[in-house]
Structures are given as C-alpha cells and as structure tokens.
Amino acid sequence: MNSSTQIKVYFIENIETGRIKVGFTTGAVVSRLRTLQTGSDCELRILGVLYANQEHGTTEYQLHLKFSEWRHRGEWFTSEILPEIKKLLQEESRRRLV
C-alpha cells in the first residue's frame, strides 16, 4: 500500500480545553481538521500524524486502548496523553528517516 492510501492516525487538540482527538483517515488530515472545526466552537489544531502500524502499536484501536484511562468522551482524551503523543511522533519521525 502506498503512503497516499495508508491509514494515518492523527492527533487534533482543542486549544481551549486541551483535549485531544485520536482519529484516523486515509485522506488528508487537513480536510479532517476542517470538518471537525465546522462542528466546533473552539479552535482546533493538528498536533501530529503518524502511519497506523500494528507492530509499532500505532493503530487507532491500539492507541485508544493505551489511552483509555484518559478518555474524556468518544475519541477525545484529556491532555495527560500529550507527553506520550510527543514520544510517538518522535519515534515516527526517526522511522521515516531510516
């Protein structure tokens, strides 16, 4: 599967609340942000994106399980997951360089 159709897991933050949405898309994450922004009265921003990979524990399902203790509602989690997200994004960045 080429990277343009690969499943991407994204992290979108609600600037006011600090809550973070962990979702997935095969399309452009910016388009997903626009759709979410339309239904939100708060500003949202993309924190980062990684490619879903079961071996790396980065599918949406795996991340939802990992962060379940901090689930706020649905796919939204409290800001306590931010350090782990930063770590995951750094690891993803290293893998892309190899």
PDB file of N, CA and C in Angstrom:
ATOM      1  N   MET A   1       0.855  -1.171   0.000  1.00  0.00           N
ATOM      2  CA  MET A   1       0.000   0.000   0.000  1.00  0.00           C
ATOM      3  C   MET A   1       0.898   1.230   0.000  1.00  0.00           C
ATOM      4  N   ASN A   2       0.653   2.172  -0.904  1.00  0.00           N
ATOM      5  CA  ASN A   2       1.494   3.358  -0.914  1.00  0.00           C
ATOM      6  C   ASN A   2       1.040   4.341   0.160  1.00  0.00           C
ATOM      7  N   SER A   3       1.918   5.309   0.478  1.00  0.00           N
ATOM      8  CA  SER A   3       1.649   6.198   1.612  1.00  0.00           C
ATOM      9  C   SER A   3       0.439   7.092   1.403  1.00  0.00           C
ATOM     10  N   SER A   4       0.023   7.332   0.148  1.00  0.00           N
ATOM     11  CA  SER A   4      -1.130   8.194  -0.072  1.00  0.00           C
ATOM     12  C   SER A   4      -2.437   7.514   0.315  1.00  0.00           C
ATOM     13  N   THR A   5      -2.466   6.174   0.352  1.00  0.00           N
ATOM     14  CA  THR A   5      -3.676   5.467   0.759  1.00  0.00           C
ATOM     15  C   THR A   5      -3.517   4.783   2.112  1.00  0.00           C
ATOM     16  N   GLN A   6      -2.360   4.928   2.702  1.00  0.00           N
ATOM     17  CA  GLN A   6      -2.116   4.320   4.002  1.00  0.00           C
ATOM     18  C   GLN A   6      -2.955   5.024   5.075  1.00  0.00           C
ATOM     19  N   ILE A   7      -3.342   4.267   6.081  1.00  0.00           N
ATOM     20  CA  ILE A   7      -4.144   4.830   7.167  1.00  0.00           C
ATOM     21  C   ILE A   7      -3.248   5.700   8.046  1.00  0.00           C
ATOM     22  N   LYS A   8      -3.699   6.917   8.262  1.00  0.00           N
ATOM     23  CA  LYS A   8      -2.974   7.856   9.111  1.00  0.00           C
ATOM     24  C   LYS A   8      -3.748   8.053  10.408  1.00  0.00           C
ATOM     25  N   VAL A   9      -3.043   8.025  11.507  1.00  0.00           N
ATOM     26  CA  VAL A   9      -3.631   8.335  12.800  1.00  0.00           C
ATOM     27  C   VAL A   9      -3.232   9.771  13.110  1.00  0.00           C
ATOM     28  N   TYR A  10      -4.223  10.579  13.464  1.00  0.00           N
ATOM     29  CA  TYR A  10      -3.945  11.993  13.733  1.00  0.00           C
ATOM     30  C   TYR A  10      -4.314  12.337  15.162  1.00  0.00           C
ATOM     31  N   PHE A  11      -3.666  13.399  15.620  1.00  0.00           N
ATOM     32  CA  PHE A  11      -3.919  13.933  16.950  1.00  0.00           C
ATOM     33  C   PHE A  11      -4.318  15.391  16.764  1.00  0.00           C
ATOM     34  N   ILE A  12      -5.545  15.709  17.108  1.00  0.00           N
ATOM     35  CA  ILE A  12      -6.051  17.076  16.969  1.00  0.00           C
ATOM     36  C   ILE A  12      -6.418  17.580  18.359  1.00  0.00           C
ATOM     37  N   GLU A  13      -5.917  18.767  18.676  1.00  0.00           N
ATOM     38  CA  GLU A  13      -6.128  19.346  20.008  1.00  0.00           C
ATOM     39  C   GLU A  13      -7.161  20.469  19.969  1.00  0.00           C
ATOM     40  N   ASN A  14      -8.028  20.461  20.967  1.00  0.00           N
ATOM     41  CA  ASN A  14      -8.942  21.572  21.205  1.00  0.00           C
ATOM     42  C   ASN A  14      -8.134  22.581  22.018  1.00  0.00           C
ATOM     43  N   ILE A  15      -7.874  23.739  21.435  1.00  0.00           N
ATOM     44  CA  ILE A  15      -6.992  24.735  22.067  1.00  0.00           C
ATOM     45  C   ILE A  15      -7.545  25.204  23.414  1.00  0.00           C
ATOM     46  N   GLU A  16      -8.839  25.354  23.539  1.00  0.00           N
ATOM     47  CA  GLU A  16      -9.440  25.855  24.787  1.00  0.00           C
ATOM     48  C   GLU A  16      -9.402  24.837  25.923  1.00  0.00           C
ATOM     49  N   THR A  17      -9.747  23.591  25.619  1.00  0.00           N
ATOM     50  CA  THR A  17      -9.861  22.581  26.678  1.00  0.00           C
ATOM     51  C   THR A  17      -8.599  21.751  26.854  1.00  0.00           C
ATOM     52  N   GLY A  18      -7.742  21.713  25.831  1.00  0.00           N
ATOM     53  CA  GLY A  18      -6.559  20.863  25.860  1.00  0.00           C
ATOM     54  C   GLY A  18      -6.863  19.420  25.525  1.00  0.00           C
ATOM     55  N   ARG A  19      -8.138  19.106  25.296  1.00  0.00           N
ATOM     56  CA  ARG A  19      -8.488  17.720  24.958  1.00  0.00           C
ATOM     57  C   ARG A  19      -7.956  17.386  23.562  1.00  0.00           C
ATOM     58  N   ILE A  20      -7.668  16.096  23.381  1.00  0.00           N
ATOM     59  CA  ILE A  20      -7.031  15.638  22.151  1.00  0.00           C
ATOM     60  C   ILE A  20      -7.856  14.527  21.522  1.00  0.00           C
ATOM     61  N   LYS A  21      -8.147  14.691  20.236  1.00  0.00           N
ATOM     62  CA  LYS A  21      -8.857  13.663  19.479  1.00  0.00           C
ATOM     63  C   LYS A  21      -7.822  12.759  18.826  1.00  0.00           C
ATOM     64  N   VAL A  22      -8.017  11.465  18.991  1.00  0.00           N
ATOM     65  CA  VAL A  22      -7.188  10.459  18.333  1.00  0.00           C
ATOM     66  C   VAL A  22      -8.095   9.791  17.314  1.00  0.00           C
ATOM     67  N   GLY A  23      -7.841  10.060  16.048  1.00  0.00           N
ATOM     68  CA  GLY A  23      -8.683   9.517  14.992  1.00  0.00           C
ATOM     69  C   GLY A  23      -7.843   8.999  13.841  1.00  0.00           C
ATOM     70  N   PHE A  24      -8.515   8.529  12.794  1.00  0.00           N
ATOM     71  CA  PHE A  24      -7.773   8.043  11.631  1.00  0.00           C
ATOM     72  C   PHE A  24      -8.454   8.488  10.347  1.00  0.00           C
ATOM     73  N   THR A  25      -7.669   8.493   9.286  1.00  0.00           N
ATOM     74  CA  THR A  25      -8.173   8.841   7.966  1.00  0.00           C
ATOM     75  C   THR A  25      -7.249   8.247   6.910  1.00  0.00           C
ATOM     76  N   THR A  26      -7.779   8.021   5.733  1.00  0.00           N
ATOM     77  CA  THR A  26      -6.938   7.666   4.590  1.00  0.00           C
ATOM     78  C   THR A  26      -6.768   8.887   3.694  1.00  0.00           C
ATOM     79  N   GLY A  27      -7.485   9.943   4.023  1.00  0.00           N
ATOM     80  CA  GLY A  27      -7.405  11.180   3.251  1.00  0.00           C
ATOM     81  C   GLY A  27      -6.452  12.169   3.896  1.00  0.00           C
ATOM     82  N   ALA A  28      -6.628  13.421   3.529  1.00  0.00           N
ATOM     83  CA  ALA A  28      -5.790  14.486   4.063  1.00  0.00           C
ATOM     84  C   ALA A  28      -6.252  14.855   5.475  1.00  0.00           C
ATOM     85  N   VAL A  29      -5.322  14.929   6.388  1.00  0.00           N
ATOM     86  CA  VAL A  29      -5.654  15.261   7.775  1.00  0.00           C
ATOM     87  C   VAL A  29      -6.182  16.700   7.849  1.00  0.00           C
ATOM     88  N   VAL A  30      -5.674  17.570   7.010  1.00  0.00           N
ATOM     89  CA  VAL A  30      -6.161  18.959   6.997  1.00  0.00           C
ATOM     90  C   VAL A  30      -7.655  18.992   6.660  1.00  0.00           C
ATOM     91  N   SER A  31      -8.101  18.143   5.751  1.00  0.00           N
ATOM     92  CA  SER A  31      -9.526  18.063   5.418  1.00  0.00           C
ATOM     93  C   SER A  31     -10.328  17.586   6.621  1.00  0.00           C
ATOM     94  N   ARG A  32      -9.779  16.623   7.343  1.00  0.00           N
ATOM     95  CA  ARG A  32     -10.457  16.122   8.548  1.00  0.00           C
ATOM     96  C   ARG A  32     -10.552  17.232   9.589  1.00  0.00           C
ATOM     97  N   LEU A  33      -9.480  18.011   9.741  1.00  0.00           N
ATOM     98  CA  LEU A  33      -9.492  19.135  10.673  1.00  0.00           C
ATOM     99  C   LEU A  33     -10.585  20.133  10.301  1.00  0.00           C
ATOM    100  N   ARG A  34     -10.689  20.464   9.028  1.00  0.00           N
ATOM    101  CA  ARG A  34     -11.725  21.408   8.584  1.00  0.00           C
ATOM    102  C   ARG A  34     -13.119  20.902   8.925  1.00  0.00           C
ATOM    103  N   THR A  35     -13.360  19.620   8.710  1.00  0.00           N
ATOM    104  CA  THR A  35     -14.668  19.027   9.024  1.00  0.00           C
ATOM    105  C   THR A  35     -14.958  19.122  10.524  1.00  0.00           C
ATOM    106  N   LEU A  36     -13.990  18.766  11.336  1.00  0.00           N
ATOM    107  CA  LEU A  36     -14.169  18.848  12.789  1.00  0.00           C
ATOM    108  C   LEU A  36     -14.343  20.297  13.236  1.00  0.00           C
ATOM    109  N   GLN A  37     -13.582  21.199  12.620  1.00  0.00           N
ATOM    110  CA  GLN A  37     -13.651  22.603  13.011  1.00  0.00           C
ATOM    111  C   GLN A  37     -15.032  23.186  12.747  1.00  0.00           C
ATOM    112  N   THR A  38     -15.671  22.747  11.668  1.00  0.00           N
ATOM    113  CA  THR A  38     -17.011  23.227  11.336  1.00  0.00           C
ATOM    114  C   THR A  38     -17.993  22.949  12.461  1.00  0.00           C
ATOM    115  N   GLY A  39     -17.842  21.820  13.137  1.00  0.00           N
ATOM    116  CA  GLY A  39     -18.774  21.444  14.199  1.00  0.00           C
ATOM    117  C   GLY A  39     -18.326  21.857  15.591  1.00  0.00           C
ATOM    118  N   SER A  40     -17.252  22.640  15.678  1.00  0.00           N
ATOM    119  CA  SER A  40     -16.732  23.014  16.993  1.00  0.00           C
ATOM    120  C   SER A  40     -16.713  24.529  17.152  1.00  0.00           C
ATOM    121  N   ASP A  41     -17.063  24.988  18.325  1.00  0.00           N
ATOM    122  CA  ASP A  41     -16.992  26.418  18.589  1.00  0.00           C
ATOM    123  C   ASP A  41     -15.632  26.827  19.145  1.00  0.00           C
ATOM    124  N   CYS A  42     -14.736  25.856  19.303  1.00  0.00           N
ATOM    125  CA  CYS A  42     -13.381  26.115  19.789  1.00  0.00           C
ATOM    126  C   CYS A  42     -12.386  25.896  18.659  1.00  0.00           C
ATOM    127  N   GLU A  43     -11.271  26.602  18.725  1.00  0.00           N
ATOM    128  CA  GLU A  43     -10.236  26.413  17.721  1.00  0.00           C
ATOM    129  C   GLU A  43      -9.562  25.062  17.924  1.00  0.00           C
ATOM    130  N   LEU A  44      -9.337  24.367  16.826  1.00  0.00           N
ATOM    131  CA  LEU A  44      -8.662  23.073  16.840  1.00  0.00           C
ATOM    132  C   LEU A  44      -7.359  23.187  16.069  1.00  0.00           C
ATOM    133  N   ARG A  45      -6.382  22.363  16.442  1.00  0.00           N
ATOM    134  CA  ARG A  45      -5.124  22.347  15.691  1.00  0.00           C
ATOM    135  C   ARG A  45      -4.568  20.933  15.638  1.00  0.00           C
ATOM    136  N   ILE A  46      -3.841  20.654  14.579  1.00  0.00           N
ATOM    137  CA  ILE A  46      -3.216  19.348  14.396  1.00  0.00           C
ATOM    138  C   ILE A  46      -1.925  19.315  15.213  1.00  0.00           C
ATOM    139  N   LEU A  47      -1.824  18.331  16.086  1.00  0.00           N
ATOM    140  CA  LEU A  47      -0.596  18.135  16.858  1.00  0.00           C
ATOM    141  C   LEU A  47       0.402  17.284  16.089  1.00  0.00           C
ATOM    142  N   GLY A  48      -0.115  16.326  15.324  1.00  0.00           N
ATOM    143  CA  GLY A  48       0.771  15.451  14.570  1.00  0.00           C
ATOM    144  C   GLY A  48       0.020  14.307  13.932  1.00  0.00           C
ATOM    145  N   VAL A  49       0.758  13.604  13.085  1.00  0.00           N
ATOM    146  CA  VAL A  49       0.194  12.495  12.308  1.00  0.00           C
ATOM    147  C   VAL A  49       1.235  11.390  12.256  1.00  0.00           C
ATOM    148  N   LEU A  50       0.783  10.147  12.332  1.00  0.00           N
ATOM    149  CA  LEU A  50       1.667   9.011  12.096  1.00  0.00           C
ATOM    150  C   LEU A  50       0.921   7.959  11.307  1.00  0.00           C
ATOM    151  N   TYR A  51       1.665   7.055  10.712  1.00  0.00           N
ATOM    152  CA  TYR A  51       1.037   5.983   9.947  1.00  0.00           C
ATOM    153  C   TYR A  51       0.670   4.842  10.880  1.00  0.00           C
ATOM    154  N   ALA A  52      -0.542   4.363  10.752  1.00  0.00           N
ATOM    155  CA  ALA A  52      -1.006   3.245  11.573  1.00  0.00           C
ATOM    156  C   ALA A  52      -0.159   2.015  11.271  1.00  0.00           C
ATOM    157  N   ASN A  53       0.342   1.391  12.334  1.00  0.00           N
ATOM    158  CA  ASN A  53       1.184   0.215  12.169  1.00  0.00           C
ATOM    159  C   ASN A  53       1.000  -0.668  13.407  1.00  0.00           C
ATOM    160  N   GLN A  54       0.424  -1.825  13.206  1.00  0.00           N
ATOM    161  CA  GLN A  54       0.126  -2.726  14.320  1.00  0.00           C
ATOM    162  C   GLN A  54       1.390  -3.126  15.074  1.00  0.00           C
ATOM    163  N   GLU A  55       2.483  -3.366  14.357  1.00  0.00           N
ATOM    164  CA  GLU A  55       3.738  -3.772  15.005  1.00  0.00           C
ATOM    165  C   GLU A  55       4.279  -2.685  15.925  1.00  0.00           C
ATOM    166  N   HIS A  56       4.029  -1.436  15.586  1.00  0.00           N
ATOM    167  CA  HIS A  56       4.507  -0.315  16.395  1.00  0.00           C
ATOM    168  C   HIS A  56       3.480   0.111  17.442  1.00  0.00           C
ATOM    169  N   GLY A  57       2.321  -0.536  17.455  1.00  0.00           N
ATOM    170  CA  GLY A  57       1.280  -0.192  18.428  1.00  0.00           C
ATOM    171  C   GLY A  57       0.604   1.127  18.125  1.00  0.00           C
ATOM    172  N   THR A  58       0.556   1.477  16.842  1.00  0.00           N
ATOM    173  CA  THR A  58       0.044   2.800  16.476  1.00  0.00           C
ATOM    174  C   THR A  58      -1.214   2.773  15.612  1.00  0.00           C
ATOM    175  N   THR A  59      -1.993   1.711  15.719  1.00  0.00           N
ATOM    176  CA  THR A  59      -3.300   1.774  15.067  1.00  0.00           C
ATOM    177  C   THR A  59      -4.217   2.603  15.963  1.00  0.00           C
ATOM    178  N   GLU A  60      -5.271   3.123  15.404  1.00  0.00           N
ATOM    179  CA  GLU A  60      -6.207   3.915  16.199  1.00  0.00           C
ATOM    180  C   GLU A  60      -6.726   3.079  17.381  1.00  0.00           C
ATOM    181  N   TYR A  61      -7.094   1.843  17.105  1.00  0.00           N
ATOM    182  CA  TYR A  61      -7.615   0.954  18.148  1.00  0.00           C
ATOM    183  C   TYR A  61      -6.602   0.773  19.286  1.00  0.00           C
ATOM    184  N   GLN A  62      -5.349   0.487  18.917  1.00  0.00           N
ATOM    185  CA  GLN A  62      -4.317   0.277  19.925  1.00  0.00           C
ATOM    186  C   GLN A  62      -4.098   1.529  20.772  1.00  0.00           C
ATOM    187  N   LEU A  63      -4.116   2.684  20.127  1.00  0.00           N
ATOM    188  CA  LEU A  63      -3.910   3.930  20.866  1.00  0.00           C
ATOM    189  C   LEU A  63      -5.102   4.244  21.761  1.00  0.00           C
ATOM    190  N   HIS A  64      -6.311   3.962  21.288  1.00  0.00           N
ATOM    191  CA  HIS A  64      -7.490   4.168  22.141  1.00  0.00           C
ATOM    192  C   HIS A  64      -7.410   3.286  23.383  1.00  0.00           C
ATOM    193  N   LEU A  65      -6.951   2.053  23.225  1.00  0.00           N
ATOM    194  CA  LEU A  65      -6.769   1.171  24.386  1.00  0.00           C
ATOM    195  C   LEU A  65      -5.688   1.711  25.317  1.00  0.00           C
ATOM    196  N   LYS A  66      -4.582   2.129  24.739  1.00  0.00           N
ATOM    197  CA  LYS A  66      -3.459   2.640  25.513  1.00  0.00           C
ATOM    198  C   LYS A  66      -3.861   3.857  26.345  1.00  0.00           C
ATOM    199  N   PHE A  67      -4.687   4.718  25.762  1.00  0.00           N
ATOM    200  CA  PHE A  67      -5.072   5.963  26.419  1.00  0.00           C
ATOM    201  C   PHE A  67      -6.432   5.870  27.131  1.00  0.00           C
ATOM    202  N   SER A  68      -6.995   4.680  27.246  1.00  0.00           N
ATOM    203  CA  SER A  68      -8.368   4.539  27.755  1.00  0.00           C
ATOM    204  C   SER A  68      -8.574   5.158  29.142  1.00  0.00           C
ATOM    205  N   GLU A  69      -7.558   5.149  29.952  1.00  0.00           N
ATOM    206  CA  GLU A  69      -7.654   5.737  31.292  1.00  0.00           C
ATOM    207  C   GLU A  69      -7.945   7.243  31.240  1.00  0.00           C
ATOM    208  N   TRP A  70      -7.555   7.874  30.141  1.00  0.00           N
ATOM    209  CA  TRP A  70      -7.703   9.321  29.993  1.00  0.00           C
ATOM    210  C   TRP A  70      -8.793   9.712  28.994  1.00  0.00           C
ATOM    211  N   ARG A  71      -9.652   8.762  28.664  1.00  0.00           N
ATOM    212  CA  ARG A  71     -10.739   9.054  27.714  1.00  0.00           C
ATOM    213  C   ARG A  71     -11.695  10.069  28.343  1.00  0.00           C
ATOM    214  N   HIS A  72     -11.990  11.098  27.577  1.00  0.00           N
ATOM    215  CA  HIS A  72     -12.988  12.077  28.016  1.00  0.00           C
ATOM    216  C   HIS A  72     -14.356  11.649  27.496  1.00  0.00           C
ATOM    217  N   ARG A  73     -14.442  11.512  26.186  1.00  0.00           N
ATOM    218  CA  ARG A  73     -15.691  11.067  25.551  1.00  0.00           C
ATOM    219  C   ARG A  73     -15.360  10.662  24.117  1.00  0.00           C
ATOM    220  N   GLY A  74     -15.881   9.512  23.714  1.00  0.00           N
ATOM    221  CA  GLY A  74     -15.661   9.052  22.337  1.00  0.00           C
ATOM    222  C   GLY A  74     -14.187   8.940  22.011  1.00  0.00           C
ATOM    223  N   GLU A  75     -13.754   9.679  20.998  1.00  0.00           N
ATOM    224  CA  GLU A  75     -12.359   9.655  20.570  1.00  0.00           C
ATOM    225  C   GLU A  75     -11.548  10.808  21.159  1.00  0.00           C
ATOM    226  N   TRP A  76     -12.115  11.491  22.138  1.00  0.00           N
ATOM    227  CA  TRP A  76     -11.447  12.628  22.772  1.00  0.00           C
ATOM    228  C   TRP A  76     -10.864  12.207  24.120  1.00  0.00           C
ATOM    229  N   PHE A  77      -9.613  12.644  24.359  1.00  0.00           N
ATOM    230  CA  PHE A  77      -8.880  12.272  25.559  1.00  0.00           C
ATOM    231  C   PHE A  77      -8.373  13.534  26.260  1.00  0.00           C
ATOM    232  N   THR A  78      -8.094  13.407  27.552  1.00  0.00           N
ATOM    233  CA  THR A  78      -7.582  14.551  28.301  1.00  0.00           C
ATOM    234  C   THR A  78      -6.124  14.814  27.925  1.00  0.00           C
ATOM    235  N   SER A  79      -5.643  15.978  28.289  1.00  0.00           N
ATOM    236  CA  SER A  79      -4.304  16.422  27.884  1.00  0.00           C
ATOM    237  C   SER A  79      -3.175  15.594  28.514  1.00  0.00           C
ATOM    238  N   GLU A  80      -3.486  14.733  29.466  1.00  0.00           N
ATOM    239  CA  GLU A  80      -2.445  13.897  30.078  1.00  0.00           C
ATOM    240  C   GLU A  80      -1.754  12.986  29.060  1.00  0.00           C
ATOM    241  N   ILE A  81      -2.369  12.765  27.913  1.00  0.00           N
ATOM    242  CA  ILE A  81      -1.743  11.887  26.906  1.00  0.00           C
ATOM    243  C   ILE A  81      -0.712  12.628  26.059  1.00  0.00           C
ATOM    244  N   LEU A  82      -0.605  13.938  26.204  1.00  0.00           N
ATOM    245  CA  LEU A  82       0.291  14.723  25.350  1.00  0.00           C
ATOM    246  C   LEU A  82       1.751  14.270  25.403  1.00  0.00           C
ATOM    247  N   PRO A  83       2.344  14.004  26.565  1.00  0.00           N
ATOM    248  CA  PRO A  83       3.740  13.528  26.557  1.00  0.00           C
ATOM    249  C   PRO A  83       3.932  12.236  25.759  1.00  0.00           C
ATOM    250  N   GLU A  84       2.989  11.322  25.859  1.00  0.00           N
ATOM    251  CA  GLU A  84       3.097  10.066  25.102  1.00  0.00           C
ATOM    252  C   GLU A  84       2.932  10.319  23.606  1.00  0.00           C
ATOM    253  N   ILE A  85       2.055  11.232  23.232  1.00  0.00           N
ATOM    254  CA  ILE A  85       1.886  11.578  21.815  1.00  0.00           C
ATOM    255  C   ILE A  85       3.193  12.141  21.263  1.00  0.00           C
ATOM    256  N   LYS A  86       3.814  13.033  22.006  1.00  0.00           N
ATOM    257  CA  LYS A  86       5.089  13.610  21.556  1.00  0.00           C
ATOM    258  C   LYS A  86       6.130  12.519  21.353  1.00  0.00           C
ATOM    259  N   LYS A  87       6.175  11.561  22.270  1.00  0.00           N
ATOM    260  CA  LYS A  87       7.108  10.438  22.156  1.00  0.00           C
ATOM    261  C   LYS A  87       6.818   9.610  20.902  1.00  0.00           C
ATOM    262  N   LEU A  88       5.544   9.303  20.666  1.00  0.00           N
ATOM    263  CA  LEU A  88       5.158   8.530  19.478  1.00  0.00           C
ATOM    264  C   LEU A  88       5.528   9.261  18.193  1.00  0.00           C
ATOM    265  N   LEU A  89       5.320  10.561  18.167  1.00  0.00           N
ATOM    266  CA  LEU A  89       5.638  11.351  16.974  1.00  0.00           C
ATOM    267  C   LEU A  89       7.141  11.408  16.738  1.00  0.00           C
ATOM    268  N   GLN A  90       7.932  11.481  17.804  1.00  0.00           N
ATOM    269  CA  GLN A  90       9.394  11.462  17.658  1.00  0.00           C
ATOM    270  C   GLN A  90       9.863  10.119  17.114  1.00  0.00           C
ATOM    271  N   GLU A  91       9.277   9.033  17.620  1.00  0.00           N
ATOM    272  CA  GLU A  91       9.634   7.699  17.126  1.00  0.00           C
ATOM    273  C   GLU A  91       9.267   7.561  15.656  1.00  0.00           C
ATOM    274  N   GLU A  92       8.108   8.068  15.278  1.00  0.00           N
ATOM    275  CA  GLU A  92       7.664   8.027  13.879  1.00  0.00           C
ATOM    276  C   GLU A  92       8.624   8.804  13.001  1.00  0.00           C
ATOM    277  N   SER A  93       9.056   9.949  13.476  1.00  0.00           N
ATOM    278  CA  SER A  93       9.990  10.782  12.727  1.00  0.00           C
ATOM    279  C   SER A  93      11.316  10.053  12.497  1.00  0.00           C
ATOM    280  N   ARG A  94      11.796   9.363  13.526  1.00  0.00           N
ATOM    281  CA  ARG A  94      13.038   8.581  13.379  1.00  0.00           C
ATOM    282  C   ARG A  94      12.874   7.456  12.370  1.00  0.00           C
ATOM    283  N   ARG A  95      11.715   6.774  12.397  1.00  0.00           N
ATOM    284  CA  ARG A  95      11.479   5.673  11.458  1.00  0.00           C
ATOM    285  C   ARG A  95      11.442   6.184  10.017  1.00  0.00           C
ATOM    286  N   ARG A  96      10.890   7.348   9.799  1.00  0.00           N
ATOM    287  CA  ARG A  96      10.799   7.898   8.446  1.00  0.00           C
ATOM    288  C   ARG A  96      12.171   8.272   7.904  1.00  0.00           C
ATOM    289  N   LEU A  97      13.106   8.596   8.796  1.00  0.00           N
ATOM    290  CA  LEU A  97      14.463   8.963   8.361  1.00  0.00           C
ATOM    291  C   LEU A  97      15.283   7.750   7.931  1.00  0.00           C
ATOM    292  N   VAL A  98      14.922   6.585   8.434  1.00  0.00           N
ATOM    293  CA  VAL A  98      15.689   5.369   8.147  1.00  0.00           C
ATOM    294  C   VAL A  98      15.380   4.863   6.766  1.00  0.00           C
TER     295      VAL A  98
END
